[in-house]
Amino acid sequence: MPLRALTENGFSKKIRVSPTVLANEVKRIREAWAIAANQKMKTLGIDERIDHRSNRARGIDLEPTVKIGKF
C-alpha cells in the first residue's frame, strides 16, 4: 500500500503514520473493495460474495497452511 500522496507534481514525501492508523486504513480499504466488488458481482448475476474480514473475525477456525512453492 503506497504511503505517498499523489499530487499535481507527482508523489509526495513518505507519509509517516502509526501502525494502528495504517492497520485501520487497510481495513477500511478492504471493506470498501468488498462492497464495490459485491455490488458489481450482483449486477452481473454472480451469486458469490467477497467478505473482507479475517477467518477469525468470521468465526472460522482454520490453521494457516504451509506455503508450498518457489516464492
C-alpha atoms as a PDB file:
ATOM      1  CA  MET A   1       0.000   0.000   0.000  1.00  0.00           C
ATOM      2  CA  PRO A   2       1.568   3.312  -1.001  1.00  0.00           C
ATOM      3  CA  LEU A   3       2.442   5.679   1.791  1.00  0.00           C
ATOM      4  CA  ARG A   4       2.912   8.646  -0.517  1.00  0.00           C
ATOM      5  CA  ALA A   5       0.177  11.030  -1.598  1.00  0.00           C
ATOM      6  CA  LEU A   6      -0.309  11.704  -5.290  1.00  0.00           C
ATOM      7  CA  THR A   7      -0.101  15.446  -6.001  1.00  0.00           C
ATOM      8  CA  GLU A   8      -0.099  17.598  -9.128  1.00  0.00           C
ATOM      9  CA  ASN A   9       3.718  17.342  -9.081  1.00  0.00           C
ATOM     10  CA  GLY A  10       3.856  13.568  -8.617  1.00  0.00           C
ATOM     11  CA  PHE A  11       4.280  11.656  -5.390  1.00  0.00           C
ATOM     12  CA  SER A  12       4.820  13.441  -2.076  1.00  0.00           C
ATOM     13  CA  LYS A  13       7.322  12.508   0.582  1.00  0.00           C
ATOM     14  CA  LYS A  14       6.510   9.361   2.508  1.00  0.00           C
ATOM     15  CA  ILE A  15       3.666   9.803   4.972  1.00  0.00           C
ATOM     16  CA  ARG A  16       4.502   8.529   8.453  1.00  0.00           C
ATOM     17  CA  VAL A  17       1.624   7.000  10.390  1.00  0.00           C
ATOM     18  CA  SER A  18       1.390   4.737  13.396  1.00  0.00           C
ATOM     19  CA  PRO A  19       0.901   1.007  12.843  1.00  0.00           C
ATOM     20  CA  THR A  20      -2.597   1.293  14.333  1.00  0.00           C
ATOM     21  CA  VAL A  21      -3.609   4.055  11.921  1.00  0.00           C
ATOM     22  CA  LEU A  22      -2.193   2.086   8.997  1.00  0.00           C
ATOM     23  CA  ALA A  23      -3.990  -1.115  10.069  1.00  0.00           C
ATOM     24  CA  ASN A  24      -7.291   0.757  10.343  1.00  0.00           C
ATOM     25  CA  GLU A  25      -6.798   2.299   6.903  1.00  0.00           C
ATOM     26  CA  VAL A  26      -6.089  -1.116   5.369  1.00  0.00           C
ATOM     27  CA  LYS A  27      -9.274  -2.491   6.972  1.00  0.00           C
ATOM     28  CA  ARG A  28     -11.276   0.470   5.624  1.00  0.00           C
ATOM     29  CA  ILE A  29      -9.928  -0.053   2.099  1.00  0.00           C
ATOM     30  CA  ARG A  30     -10.583  -3.809   2.220  1.00  0.00           C
ATOM     31  CA  GLU A  31     -14.168  -3.218   3.315  1.00  0.00           C
ATOM     32  CA  ALA A  32     -14.731  -0.610   0.584  1.00  0.00           C
ATOM     33  CA  TRP A  33     -13.305  -3.000  -2.018  1.00  0.00           C
ATOM     34  CA  ALA A  34     -15.557  -5.838  -0.833  1.00  0.00           C
ATOM     35  CA  ILE A  35     -18.637  -3.600  -1.032  1.00  0.00           C
ATOM     36  CA  ALA A  36     -17.781  -2.376  -4.545  1.00  0.00           C
ATOM     37  CA  ALA A  37     -16.891  -5.858  -5.807  1.00  0.00           C
ATOM     38  CA  ASN A  38     -20.042  -7.394  -4.322  1.00  0.00           C
ATOM     39  CA  GLN A  39     -22.230  -4.711  -5.931  1.00  0.00           C
ATOM     40  CA  LYS A  40     -20.639  -5.382  -9.323  1.00  0.00           C
ATOM     41  CA  MET A  41     -20.967  -9.154  -8.961  1.00  0.00           C
ATOM     42  CA  LYS A  42     -24.630  -8.718  -8.038  1.00  0.00           C
ATOM     43  CA  THR A  43     -25.286  -6.664 -11.184  1.00  0.00           C
ATOM     44  CA  LEU A  44     -23.553  -9.388 -13.230  1.00  0.00           C
ATOM     45  CA  GLY A  45     -25.733 -12.085 -11.668  1.00  0.00           C
ATOM     46  CA  ILE A  46     -22.853 -13.733  -9.797  1.00  0.00           C
ATOM     47  CA  ASP A  47     -24.050 -15.297  -6.536  1.00  0.00           C
ATOM     48  CA  GLU A  48     -20.674 -15.449  -4.762  1.00  0.00           C
ATOM     49  CA  ARG A  49     -19.694 -12.637  -2.409  1.00  0.00           C
ATOM     50  CA  ILE A  50     -16.415 -11.310  -1.027  1.00  0.00           C
ATOM     51  CA  ASP A  51     -16.009 -10.985   2.740  1.00  0.00           C
ATOM     52  CA  HIS A  52     -13.172  -8.658   3.739  1.00  0.00           C
ATOM     53  CA  ARG A  53     -12.975  -9.955   7.309  1.00  0.00           C
ATOM     54  CA  SER A  54     -10.378 -12.444   8.512  1.00  0.00           C
ATOM     55  CA  ASN A  55     -11.286 -16.069   9.161  1.00  0.00           C
ATOM     56  CA  ARG A  56     -11.025 -15.366  12.892  1.00  0.00           C
ATOM     57  CA  ALA A  57     -13.432 -12.414  12.647  1.00  0.00           C
ATOM     58  CA  ARG A  58     -15.879 -14.627  10.718  1.00  0.00           C
ATOM     59  CA  GLY A  59     -15.661 -17.355  13.356  1.00  0.00           C
ATOM     60  CA  ILE A  60     -13.844 -19.800  11.066  1.00  0.00           C
ATOM     61  CA  ASP A  61     -11.323 -21.897  12.968  1.00  0.00           C
ATOM     62  CA  LEU A  62      -8.617 -22.717  10.400  1.00  0.00           C
ATOM     63  CA  GLU A  63      -4.890 -23.035  10.913  1.00  0.00           C
ATOM     64  CA  PRO A  64      -2.700 -21.340   8.293  1.00  0.00           C
ATOM     65  CA  THR A  65      -1.282 -23.741   5.735  1.00  0.00           C
ATOM     66  CA  VAL A  66       2.383 -24.210   4.987  1.00  0.00           C
ATOM     67  CA  LYS A  67       3.440 -22.367   1.845  1.00  0.00           C
ATOM     68  CA  ILE A  68       4.486 -24.663  -0.961  1.00  0.00           C
ATOM     69  CA  GLY A  69       6.344 -23.282  -3.918  1.00  0.00           C
ATOM     70  CA  LYS A  70       9.220 -21.199  -5.085  1.00  0.00           C
ATOM     71  CA  PHE A  71       8.141 -17.768  -3.892  1.00  0.00           C
END
